[in-house]
């Protein structure tokens, strides 16, 4: 009877704890993602477009493009991104970072032949990216609800508003030929999607709930960038001992990966405990053998 009573109390406690955790997680998700129903719908549309159009085109692009040329085209578009980046550096009053990004653009645009070759990174002029959404955050608009935009994908209301002025500080609206302008925009999207194919393993890791994975990864990366800019930009943050980039370890793991990691930690802990126990047993046996040997030698000595 007592065992059954204790079991029922334990199960009830676990159920209550689980329900509280579930409610807390749901409330946290609603606070950052109040438009989740719409966002999931738009996420599915974007995923379908990616599977049917973007991903096959990007895969074909990576297949037929020689690696050196692929790298050069990627460098070219990253170099163009430095124009709005420098403008946002100045708007954020991060002048030290603005000087770095200006020098990088100048070196790669000249010596690097319009940015196809990256000569700036080896001399310490590292790549940096800024946009209007990050500038709005620097001005005080830090917290914003998550929003999935058509074709663009993961965003927030703040970052979505920032896309309009951001476009007009890029080179694209000032290309006179409409056909060339759209070709450049399309090529930039294709190159970006082709680069993301490198993170295919991360996408597969997100199979548990890819929507939640992408949302958390985007919000975490933007929060990291906002914190970096608050310190004066990427270079200042690196001088203060913080990395200006987000590593793959910073991407949130799904529940399955967390459970696996926890199980591995428990297994390692149990193994170390077993090893320690074995060592203790062996030490005790050794001490016992020493005592027995001493007793035998004393007995033999007394006989003599």
C-alpha atoms as a PDB file:
ATOM      1  CA  UNK A   1       0.000   0.000   0.000  1.00  0.00           C
ATOM      2  CA  UNK A   2       2.777   2.445   0.939  1.00  0.00           C
ATOM      3  CA  UNK A   3       4.639   1.739  -2.318  1.00  0.00           C
ATOM      4  CA  UNK A   4       1.494   2.396  -4.359  1.00  0.00           C
ATOM      5  CA  UNK A   5       0.842   5.601  -2.411  1.00  0.00           C
ATOM      6  CA  UNK A   6       4.412   6.852  -2.968  1.00  0.00           C
ATOM      7  CA  UNK A   7       4.199   5.944  -6.654  1.00  0.00           C
ATOM      8  CA  UNK A   8       0.955   7.837  -7.145  1.00  0.00           C
ATOM      9  CA  UNK A   9       2.347  10.896  -5.336  1.00  0.00           C
ATOM     10  CA  UNK A  10       5.500  10.804  -7.486  1.00  0.00           C
ATOM     11  CA  UNK A  11       3.524  10.472 -10.733  1.00  0.00           C
ATOM     12  CA  UNK A  12       1.225  13.316  -9.703  1.00  0.00           C
ATOM     13  CA  UNK A  13       4.205  15.554  -8.924  1.00  0.00           C
ATOM     14  CA  UNK A  14       5.807  14.771 -12.268  1.00  0.00           C
ATOM     15  CA  UNK A  15       2.549  15.467 -14.110  1.00  0.00           C
ATOM     16  CA  UNK A  16       2.106  18.820 -12.353  1.00  0.00           C
ATOM     17  CA  UNK A  17       5.739  19.777 -13.020  1.00  0.00           C
ATOM     18  CA  UNK A  18       5.399  18.825 -16.701  1.00  0.00           C
ATOM     19  CA  UNK A  19       2.172  20.800 -17.053  1.00  0.00           C
ATOM     20  CA  UNK A  20       3.762  23.890 -15.477  1.00  0.00           C
ATOM     21  CA  UNK A  21       6.771  23.629 -17.787  1.00  0.00           C
ATOM     22  CA  UNK A  22       4.528  23.179 -20.817  1.00  0.00           C
ATOM     23  CA  UNK A  23       2.417  26.215 -19.897  1.00  0.00           C
ATOM     24  CA  UNK A  24       5.541  28.320 -19.286  1.00  0.00           C
ATOM     25  CA  UNK A  25       7.036  27.274 -22.648  1.00  0.00           C
ATOM     26  CA  UNK A  26       3.757  28.040 -24.423  1.00  0.00           C
ATOM     27  CA  UNK A  27       3.534  31.484 -22.799  1.00  0.00           C
ATOM     28  CA  UNK A  28       7.145  32.257 -23.749  1.00  0.00           C
ATOM     29  CA  UNK A  29       6.464  31.189 -27.360  1.00  0.00           C
ATOM     30  CA  UNK A  30       3.345  33.390 -27.497  1.00  0.00           C
ATOM     31  CA  UNK A  31       5.267  36.373 -26.166  1.00  0.00           C
ATOM     32  CA  UNK A  32       7.827  36.274 -29.014  1.00  0.00           C
ATOM     33  CA  UNK A  33       5.625  34.669 -31.666  1.00  0.00           C
ATOM     34  CA  UNK A  34       2.040  35.934 -31.271  1.00  0.00           C
ATOM     35  CA  UNK A  35       1.383  35.387 -34.995  1.00  0.00           C
ATOM     36  CA  UNK A  36       2.446  31.753 -34.960  1.00  0.00           C
ATOM     37  CA  UNK A  37      -0.594  30.493 -36.878  1.00  0.00           C
ATOM     38  CA  UNK A  38       0.088  32.856 -39.787  1.00  0.00           C
ATOM     39  CA  UNK A  39       3.864  32.371 -39.497  1.00  0.00           C
ATOM     40  CA  UNK A  40       3.591  28.599 -39.773  1.00  0.00           C
ATOM     41  CA  UNK A  41       1.333  28.964 -42.821  1.00  0.00           C
ATOM     42  CA  UNK A  42       3.799  31.321 -44.535  1.00  0.00           C
ATOM     43  CA  UNK A  43       6.694  29.102 -43.479  1.00  0.00           C
ATOM     44  CA  UNK A  44       5.099  26.151 -45.294  1.00  0.00           C
ATOM     45  CA  UNK A  45       4.614  28.256 -48.437  1.00  0.00           C
ATOM     46  CA  UNK A  46       8.241  29.394 -48.354  1.00  0.00           C
ATOM     47  CA  UNK A  47       9.378  25.817 -47.770  1.00  0.00           C
ATOM     48  CA  UNK A  48       7.383  24.603 -50.776  1.00  0.00           C
ATOM     49  CA  UNK A  49       8.868  27.344 -52.976  1.00  0.00           C
ATOM     50  CA  UNK A  50      12.354  26.484 -51.723  1.00  0.00           C
ATOM     51  CA  UNK A  51      11.913  22.753 -52.377  1.00  0.00           C
ATOM     52  CA  UNK A  52      10.421  23.256 -55.844  1.00  0.00           C
ATOM     53  CA  UNK A  53      12.528  26.183 -57.120  1.00  0.00           C
ATOM     54  CA  UNK A  54      15.377  27.580 -55.015  1.00  0.00           C
ATOM     55  CA  UNK A  55      17.010  24.441 -53.643  1.00  0.00           C
ATOM     56  CA  UNK A  56      17.186  22.552 -56.981  1.00  0.00           C
ATOM     57  CA  UNK A  57      18.545  25.670 -58.713  1.00  0.00           C
ATOM     58  CA  UNK A  58      21.137  26.207 -55.977  1.00  0.00           C
ATOM     59  CA  UNK A  59      22.169  22.544 -56.069  1.00  0.00           C
ATOM     60  CA  UNK A  60      22.597  22.705 -59.854  1.00  0.00           C
ATOM     61  CA  UNK A  61      24.557  25.952 -59.493  1.00  0.00           C
ATOM     62  CA  UNK A  62      26.994  24.383 -57.017  1.00  0.00           C
ATOM     63  CA  UNK A  63      27.338  21.330 -59.268  1.00  0.00           C
ATOM     64  CA  UNK A  64      28.211  23.092 -62.520  1.00  0.00           C
ATOM     65  CA  UNK A  65      30.162  26.055 -61.114  1.00  0.00           C
ATOM     66  CA  UNK A  66      33.897  25.493 -60.560  1.00  0.00           C
ATOM     67  CA  UNK A  67      34.757  26.096 -56.909  1.00  0.00           C
ATOM     68  CA  UNK A  68      37.132  29.040 -57.531  1.00  0.00           C
ATOM     69  CA  UNK A  69      34.532  30.809 -59.691  1.00  0.00           C
ATOM     70  CA  UNK A  70      31.789  29.991 -57.179  1.00  0.00           C
ATOM     71  CA  UNK A  71      33.882  31.531 -54.419  1.00  0.00           C
ATOM     72  CA  UNK A  72      34.626  34.594 -56.538  1.00  0.00           C
ATOM     73  CA  UNK A  73      30.944  35.267 -57.299  1.00  0.00           C
ATOM     74  CA  UNK A  74      30.111  34.850 -53.606  1.00  0.00           C
ATOM     75  CA  UNK A  75      32.865  37.348 -52.726  1.00  0.00           C
ATOM     76  CA  UNK A  76      31.488  39.780 -55.320  1.00  0.00           C
ATOM     77  CA  UNK A  77      28.023  39.896 -53.763  1.00  0.00           C
ATOM     78  CA  UNK A  78      29.424  40.084 -50.223  1.00  0.00           C
ATOM     79  CA  UNK A  79      31.497  43.051 -51.335  1.00  0.00           C
ATOM     80  CA  UNK A  80      28.359  44.808 -52.609  1.00  0.00           C
ATOM     81  CA  UNK A  81      26.750  44.264 -49.186  1.00  0.00           C
ATOM     82  CA  UNK A  82      29.459  46.435 -47.644  1.00  0.00           C
ATOM     83  CA  UNK A  83      27.908  49.608 -49.114  1.00  0.00           C
ATOM     84  CA  UNK A  84      24.739  49.451 -46.964  1.00  0.00           C
ATOM     85  CA  UNK A  85      26.829  48.009 -44.128  1.00  0.00           C
ATOM     86  CA  UNK A  86      29.048  51.113 -43.969  1.00  0.00           C
ATOM     87  CA  UNK A  87      25.975  53.380 -44.076  1.00  0.00           C
ATOM     88  CA  UNK A  88      24.457  51.461 -41.161  1.00  0.00           C
ATOM     89  CA  UNK A  89      27.747  51.582 -39.262  1.00  0.00           C
ATOM     90  CA  UNK A  90      27.621  55.376 -39.466  1.00  0.00           C
ATOM     91  CA  UNK A  91      23.921  55.497 -38.524  1.00  0.00           C
ATOM     92  CA  UNK A  92      24.718  53.362 -35.474  1.00  0.00           C
ATOM     93  CA  UNK A  93      27.623  55.706 -34.584  1.00  0.00           C
ATOM     94  CA  UNK A  94      30.022  52.752 -34.725  1.00  0.00           C
ATOM     95  CA  UNK A  95      32.701  54.760 -36.548  1.00  0.00           C
ATOM     96  CA  UNK A  96      35.555  52.394 -35.733  1.00  0.00           C
ATOM     97  CA  UNK A  97      33.648  49.567 -37.404  1.00  0.00           C
ATOM     98  CA  UNK A  98      32.717  51.879 -40.287  1.00  0.00           C
ATOM     99  CA  UNK A  99      36.403  52.590 -40.939  1.00  0.00           C
ATOM    100  CA  UNK A 100      37.195  48.852 -41.038  1.00  0.00           C
ATOM    101  CA  UNK A 101      34.324  48.120 -43.434  1.00  0.00           C
ATOM    102  CA  UNK A 102      35.215  51.078 -45.677  1.00  0.00           C
ATOM    103  CA  UNK A 103      38.825  49.941 -45.953  1.00  0.00           C
ATOM    104  CA  UNK A 104      37.689  46.390 -46.674  1.00  0.00           C
ATOM    105  CA  UNK A 105      35.421  47.594 -49.469  1.00  0.00           C
ATOM    106  CA  UNK A 106      38.188  49.754 -50.919  1.00  0.00           C
ATOM    107  CA  UNK A 107      40.822  47.000 -50.882  1.00  0.00           C
ATOM    108  CA  UNK A 108      38.615  44.286 -52.353  1.00  0.00           C
ATOM    109  CA  UNK A 109      37.016  46.599 -54.929  1.00  0.00           C
ATOM    110  CA  UNK A 110      40.416  47.622 -56.315  1.00  0.00           C
ATOM    111  CA  UNK A 111      43.088  45.019 -55.632  1.00  0.00           C
ATOM    112  CA  UNK A 112      40.441  42.302 -55.414  1.00  0.00           C
ATOM    113  CA  UNK A 113      38.977  43.239 -58.845  1.00  0.00           C
ATOM    114  CA  UNK A 114      35.428  44.340 -57.924  1.00  0.00           C
ATOM    115  CA  UNK A 115      35.431  42.023 -54.920  1.00  0.00           C
ATOM    116  CA  UNK A 116      35.955  38.718 -56.738  1.00  0.00           C
ATOM    117  CA  UNK A 117      39.103  38.155 -54.682  1.00  0.00           C
ATOM    118  CA  UNK A 118      39.292  38.685 -50.932  1.00  0.00           C
ATOM    119  CA  UNK A 119      42.603  40.359 -50.121  1.00  0.00           C
ATOM    120  CA  UNK A 120      41.177  42.224 -47.110  1.00  0.00           C
ATOM    121  CA  UNK A 121      40.668  39.316 -44.708  1.00  0.00           C
ATOM    122  CA  UNK A 122      44.341  38.202 -44.654  1.00  0.00           C
ATOM    123  CA  UNK A 123      45.400  41.720 -43.619  1.00  0.00           C
ATOM    124  CA  UNK A 124      42.892  41.860 -40.742  1.00  0.00           C
ATOM    125  CA  UNK A 125      39.954  43.634 -42.411  1.00  0.00           C
ATOM    126  CA  UNK A 126      37.304  41.068 -41.523  1.00  0.00           C
ATOM    127  CA  UNK A 127      33.817  40.825 -43.034  1.00  0.00           C
ATOM    128  CA  UNK A 128      30.910  42.510 -41.276  1.00  0.00           C
ATOM    129  CA  UNK A 129      27.203  42.770 -42.096  1.00  0.00           C
ATOM    130  CA  UNK A 130      24.717  45.397 -40.936  1.00  0.00           C
ATOM    131  CA  UNK A 131      21.172  46.288 -41.965  1.00  0.00           C
ATOM    132  CA  UNK A 132      18.432  48.765 -41.086  1.00  0.00           C
ATOM    133  CA  UNK A 133      16.801  46.353 -38.631  1.00  0.00           C
ATOM    134  CA  UNK A 134      20.010  46.264 -36.589  1.00  0.00           C
ATOM    135  CA  UNK A 135      20.214  50.051 -36.794  1.00  0.00           C
ATOM    136  CA  UNK A 136      16.641  50.356 -35.458  1.00  0.00           C
ATOM    137  CA  UNK A 137      17.685  48.088 -32.564  1.00  0.00           C
ATOM    138  CA  UNK A 138      20.717  50.277 -31.892  1.00  0.00           C
ATOM    139  CA  UNK A 139      18.364  53.268 -31.736  1.00  0.00           C
ATOM    140  CA  UNK A 140      16.246  51.528 -29.069  1.00  0.00           C
ATOM    141  CA  UNK A 141      13.769  49.304 -30.937  1.00  0.00           C
ATOM    142  CA  UNK A 142      15.266  46.093 -29.533  1.00  0.00           C
ATOM    143  CA  UNK A 143      12.298  43.820 -28.878  1.00  0.00           C
ATOM    144  CA  UNK A 144      10.089  42.900 -31.811  1.00  0.00           C
ATOM    145  CA  UNK A 145       7.626  40.100 -32.537  1.00  0.00           C
ATOM    146  CA  UNK A 146       8.695  37.287 -34.844  1.00  0.00           C
ATOM    147  CA  UNK A 147       7.308  37.430 -38.374  1.00  0.00           C
ATOM    148  CA  UNK A 148       7.766  35.165 -41.407  1.00  0.00           C
ATOM    149  CA  UNK A 149       7.821  37.213 -44.625  1.00  0.00           C
ATOM    150  CA  UNK A 150       6.924  35.836 -48.068  1.00  0.00           C
ATOM    151  CA  UNK A 151      10.071  34.573 -49.855  1.00  0.00           C
ATOM    152  CA  UNK A 152      12.359  36.399 -47.386  1.00  0.00           C
ATOM    153  CA  UNK A 153      11.504  34.024 -44.539  1.00  0.00           C
ATOM    154  CA  UNK A 154      12.459  34.503 -40.882  1.00  0.00           C
ATOM    155  CA  UNK A 155      12.215  38.100 -39.705  1.00  0.00           C
ATOM    156  CA  UNK A 156      10.581  40.376 -37.143  1.00  0.00           C
ATOM    157  CA  UNK A 157       8.265  43.358 -37.514  1.00  0.00           C
ATOM    158  CA  UNK A 158      11.257  45.644 -36.921  1.00  0.00           C
ATOM    159  CA  UNK A 159      13.444  43.866 -39.469  1.00  0.00           C
ATOM    160  CA  UNK A 160      10.577  43.643 -41.962  1.00  0.00           C
ATOM    161  CA  UNK A 161      10.073  47.422 -41.824  1.00  0.00           C
ATOM    162  CA  UNK A 162      13.810  47.819 -42.290  1.00  0.00           C
ATOM    163  CA  UNK A 163      13.807  45.925 -45.593  1.00  0.00           C
ATOM    164  CA  UNK A 164      12.223  48.849 -47.477  1.00  0.00           C
ATOM    165  CA  UNK A 165      14.840  51.532 -46.695  1.00  0.00           C
ATOM    166  CA  UNK A 166      17.589  48.899 -46.836  1.00  0.00           C
ATOM    167  CA  UNK A 167      16.813  48.218 -50.504  1.00  0.00           C
ATOM    168  CA  UNK A 168      17.308  51.885 -51.373  1.00  0.00           C
ATOM    169  CA  UNK A 169      20.794  52.029 -49.858  1.00  0.00           C
ATOM    170  CA  UNK A 170      21.960  49.050 -51.937  1.00  0.00           C
ATOM    171  CA  UNK A 171      23.254  49.353 -55.504  1.00  0.00           C
ATOM    172  CA  UNK A 172      20.279  47.558 -57.097  1.00  0.00           C
ATOM    173  CA  UNK A 173      17.709  50.399 -57.453  1.00  0.00           C
ATOM    174  CA  UNK A 174      20.365  52.528 -59.164  1.00  0.00           C
ATOM    175  CA  UNK A 175      21.038  50.066 -61.965  1.00  0.00           C
ATOM    176  CA  UNK A 176      19.358  51.732 -64.962  1.00  0.00           C
ATOM    177  CA  UNK A 177      18.668  48.589 -66.946  1.00  0.00           C
ATOM    178  CA  UNK A 178      15.602  46.915 -65.423  1.00  0.00           C
ATOM    179  CA  UNK A 179      16.557  43.508 -66.822  1.00  0.00           C
ATOM    180  CA  UNK A 180      20.086  43.740 -65.435  1.00  0.00           C
ATOM    181  CA  UNK A 181      18.720  44.896 -62.066  1.00  0.00           C
ATOM    182  CA  UNK A 182      16.415  41.892 -61.717  1.00  0.00           C
ATOM    183  CA  UNK A 183      19.100  39.541 -62.976  1.00  0.00           C
ATOM    184  CA  UNK A 184      21.500  40.843 -60.331  1.00  0.00           C
ATOM    185  CA  UNK A 185      18.900  40.453 -57.571  1.00  0.00           C
ATOM    186  CA  UNK A 186      18.033  36.934 -58.746  1.00  0.00           C
ATOM    187  CA  UNK A 187      21.693  35.963 -58.971  1.00  0.00           C
ATOM    188  CA  UNK A 188      22.313  37.289 -55.454  1.00  0.00           C
ATOM    189  CA  UNK A 189      19.430  35.190 -54.074  1.00  0.00           C
ATOM    190  CA  UNK A 190      20.706  32.100 -55.902  1.00  0.00           C
ATOM    191  CA  UNK A 191      24.267  32.564 -54.609  1.00  0.00           C
ATOM    192  CA  UNK A 192      22.999  33.051 -51.054  1.00  0.00           C
ATOM    193  CA  UNK A 193      20.856  29.905 -51.223  1.00  0.00           C
ATOM    194  CA  UNK A 194      23.766  27.938 -52.671  1.00  0.00           C
ATOM    195  CA  UNK A 195      25.925  29.020 -49.745  1.00  0.00           C
ATOM    196  CA  UNK A 196      23.281  27.830 -47.278  1.00  0.00           C
ATOM    197  CA  UNK A 197      23.484  24.319 -48.726  1.00  0.00           C
ATOM    198  CA  UNK A 198      26.635  23.927 -46.607  1.00  0.00           C
ATOM    199  CA  UNK A 199      24.376  23.854 -43.547  1.00  0.00           C
ATOM    200  CA  UNK A 200      22.310  20.904 -44.777  1.00  0.00           C
ATOM    201  CA  UNK A 201      23.232  18.839 -41.702  1.00  0.00           C
ATOM    202  CA  UNK A 202      21.875  21.573 -39.440  1.00  0.00           C
ATOM    203  CA  UNK A 203      18.595  21.581 -41.385  1.00  0.00           C
ATOM    204  CA  UNK A 204      18.319  17.819 -40.962  1.00  0.00           C
ATOM    205  CA  UNK A 205      18.921  18.229 -37.235  1.00  0.00           C
ATOM    206  CA  UNK A 206      15.858  20.494 -37.156  1.00  0.00           C
ATOM    207  CA  UNK A 207      13.536  17.715 -38.398  1.00  0.00           C
ATOM    208  CA  UNK A 208      11.770  17.549 -35.002  1.00  0.00           C
ATOM    209  CA  UNK A 209      10.120  20.948 -35.604  1.00  0.00           C
ATOM    210  CA  UNK A 210      11.934  22.916 -38.272  1.00  0.00           C
ATOM    211  CA  UNK A 211       9.744  25.981 -37.786  1.00  0.00           C
ATOM    212  CA  UNK A 212      10.671  26.332 -34.098  1.00  0.00           C
ATOM    213  CA  UNK A 213      14.322  25.608 -34.906  1.00  0.00           C
ATOM    214  CA  UNK A 214      14.512  28.325 -37.569  1.00  0.00           C
ATOM    215  CA  UNK A 215      12.642  30.833 -35.401  1.00  0.00           C
ATOM    216  CA  UNK A 216      14.862  30.317 -32.353  1.00  0.00           C
ATOM    217  CA  UNK A 217      18.040  30.330 -34.457  1.00  0.00           C
ATOM    218  CA  UNK A 218      17.065  33.599 -36.160  1.00  0.00           C
ATOM    219  CA  UNK A 219      16.043  35.386 -32.956  1.00  0.00           C
ATOM    220  CA  UNK A 220      19.161  34.204 -31.137  1.00  0.00           C
ATOM    221  CA  UNK A 221      21.463  35.357 -33.926  1.00  0.00           C
ATOM    222  CA  UNK A 222      19.787  38.784 -34.130  1.00  0.00           C
ATOM    223  CA  UNK A 223      19.993  39.195 -30.342  1.00  0.00           C
ATOM    224  CA  UNK A 224      23.690  38.359 -30.556  1.00  0.00           C
ATOM    225  CA  UNK A 225      24.271  40.922 -33.320  1.00  0.00           C
ATOM    226  CA  UNK A 226      22.360  43.601 -31.386  1.00  0.00           C
ATOM    227  CA  UNK A 227      24.515  42.939 -28.304  1.00  0.00           C
ATOM    228  CA  UNK A 228      27.679  43.162 -30.425  1.00  0.00           C
ATOM    229  CA  UNK A 229      26.621  46.511 -31.950  1.00  0.00           C
ATOM    230  CA  UNK A 230      25.812  47.885 -28.502  1.00  0.00           C
ATOM    231  CA  UNK A 231      29.513  47.462 -27.657  1.00  0.00           C
ATOM    232  CA  UNK A 232      30.599  49.523 -30.647  1.00  0.00           C
ATOM    233  CA  UNK A 233      30.538  46.904 -33.378  1.00  0.00           C
ATOM    234  CA  UNK A 234      32.192  43.600 -34.157  1.00  0.00           C
ATOM    235  CA  UNK A 235      35.778  44.840 -33.809  1.00  0.00           C
ATOM    236  CA  UNK A 236      35.169  46.440 -30.404  1.00  0.00           C
ATOM    237  CA  UNK A 237      33.442  43.277 -29.191  1.00  0.00           C
ATOM    238  CA  UNK A 238      36.387  41.148 -30.300  1.00  0.00           C
ATOM    239  CA  UNK A 239      38.742  43.484 -28.443  1.00  0.00           C
ATOM    240  CA  UNK A 240      36.568  42.992 -25.347  1.00  0.00           C
ATOM    241  CA  UNK A 241      37.024  39.231 -25.647  1.00  0.00           C
ATOM    242  CA  UNK A 242      33.760  38.390 -27.386  1.00  0.00           C
ATOM    243  CA  UNK A 243      33.389  36.748 -30.773  1.00  0.00           C
ATOM    244  CA  UNK A 244      31.608  38.828 -33.356  1.00  0.00           C
ATOM    245  CA  UNK A 245      30.251  35.787 -35.146  1.00  0.00           C
ATOM    246  CA  UNK A 246      27.736  33.121 -34.217  1.00  0.00           C
ATOM    247  CA  UNK A 247      29.219  29.621 -34.275  1.00  0.00           C
ATOM    248  CA  UNK A 248      27.322  26.456 -35.060  1.00  0.00           C
ATOM    249  CA  UNK A 249      27.325  25.634 -31.333  1.00  0.00           C
ATOM    250  CA  UNK A 250      25.217  28.735 -30.708  1.00  0.00           C
ATOM    251  CA  UNK A 251      22.378  27.411 -32.820  1.00  0.00           C
ATOM    252  CA  UNK A 252      19.647  26.024 -30.521  1.00  0.00           C
ATOM    253  CA  UNK A 253      19.332  22.259 -30.574  1.00  0.00           C
ATOM    254  CA  UNK A 254      16.005  20.458 -30.834  1.00  0.00           C
ATOM    255  CA  UNK A 255      14.619  18.388 -27.973  1.00  0.00           C
ATOM    256  CA  UNK A 256      15.859  15.117 -29.428  1.00  0.00           C
ATOM    257  CA  UNK A 257      19.453  16.330 -29.556  1.00  0.00           C
ATOM    258  CA  UNK A 258      19.181  17.656 -26.002  1.00  0.00           C
ATOM    259  CA  UNK A 259      17.871  14.296 -24.772  1.00  0.00           C
ATOM    260  CA  UNK A 260      20.694  12.480 -26.550  1.00  0.00           C
ATOM    261  CA  UNK A 261      23.277  14.829 -25.063  1.00  0.00           C
ATOM    262  CA  UNK A 262      21.805  14.362 -21.580  1.00  0.00           C
ATOM    263  CA  UNK A 263      21.852  10.570 -21.972  1.00  0.00           C
ATOM    264  CA  UNK A 264      25.476  10.695 -23.083  1.00  0.00           C
ATOM    265  CA  UNK A 265      26.372  12.799 -20.053  1.00  0.00           C
ATOM    266  CA  UNK A 266      24.591  10.335 -17.741  1.00  0.00           C
ATOM    267  CA  UNK A 267      26.381   7.430 -19.413  1.00  0.00           C
ATOM    268  CA  UNK A 268      29.754   9.139 -19.018  1.00  0.00           C
ATOM    269  CA  UNK A 269      28.970   9.894 -15.364  1.00  0.00           C
ATOM    270  CA  UNK A 270      27.948   6.284 -14.693  1.00  0.00           C
ATOM    271  CA  UNK A 271      31.086   5.013 -16.429  1.00  0.00           C
ATOM    272  CA  UNK A 272      33.325   7.252 -14.334  1.00  0.00           C
ATOM    273  CA  UNK A 273      31.534   6.129 -11.178  1.00  0.00           C
ATOM    274  CA  UNK A 274      31.984   2.477 -12.129  1.00  0.00           C
ATOM    275  CA  UNK A 275      35.675   3.095 -12.819  1.00  0.00           C
ATOM    276  CA  UNK A 276      36.067   4.770  -9.451  1.00  0.00           C
ATOM    277  CA  UNK A 277      34.304   1.867  -7.725  1.00  0.00           C
ATOM    278  CA  UNK A 278      36.537  -0.656  -9.481  1.00  0.00           C
ATOM    279  CA  UNK A 279      39.605   1.287  -8.410  1.00  0.00           C
ATOM    280  CA  UNK A 280      38.416   1.340  -4.803  1.00  0.00           C
ATOM    281  CA  UNK A 281      37.754  -2.416  -4.881  1.00  0.00           C
ATOM    282  CA  UNK A 282      41.166  -3.147  -6.383  1.00  0.00           C
ATOM    283  CA  UNK A 283      42.851  -0.950  -3.759  1.00  0.00           C
ATOM    284  CA  UNK A 284      40.993  -2.747  -0.961  1.00  0.00           C
ATOM    285  CA  UNK A 285      41.934  -6.156  -2.375  1.00  0.00           C
ATOM    286  CA  UNK A 286      45.565  -5.073  -2.648  1.00  0.00           C
ATOM    287  CA  UNK A 287      45.596  -3.903   0.956  1.00  0.00           C
ATOM    288  CA  UNK A 288      44.012  -7.184   2.070  1.00  0.00           C
ATOM    289  CA  UNK A 289      46.648  -9.161   0.193  1.00  0.00           C
ATOM    290  CA  UNK A 290      49.382  -7.087   1.815  1.00  0.00           C
ATOM    291  CA  UNK A 291      47.943  -7.796   5.270  1.00  0.00           C
ATOM    292  CA  UNK A 292      47.725 -11.528   4.557  1.00  0.00           C
ATOM    293  CA  UNK A 293      51.264 -11.607   3.250  1.00  0.00           C
ATOM    294  CA  UNK A 294      52.522  -9.787   6.345  1.00  0.00           C
ATOM    295  CA  UNK A 295      50.647 -12.186   8.617  1.00  0.00           C
ATOM    296  CA  UNK A 296      52.116 -15.192   6.793  1.00  0.00           C
ATOM    297  CA  UNK A 297      55.638 -13.806   6.998  1.00  0.00           C
ATOM    298  CA  UNK A 298      55.208 -13.072  10.723  1.00  0.00           C
ATOM    299  CA  UNK A 299      53.886 -16.585  11.289  1.00  0.00           C
ATOM    300  CA  UNK A 300      56.847 -18.129   9.475  1.00  0.00           C
ATOM    301  CA  UNK A 301      59.247 -15.953  11.479  1.00  0.00           C
ATOM    302  CA  UNK A 302      57.672 -17.065  14.770  1.00  0.00           C
ATOM    303  CA  UNK A 303      57.996 -20.725  13.741  1.00  0.00           C
ATOM    304  CA  UNK A 304      61.680 -20.257  13.069  1.00  0.00           C
END
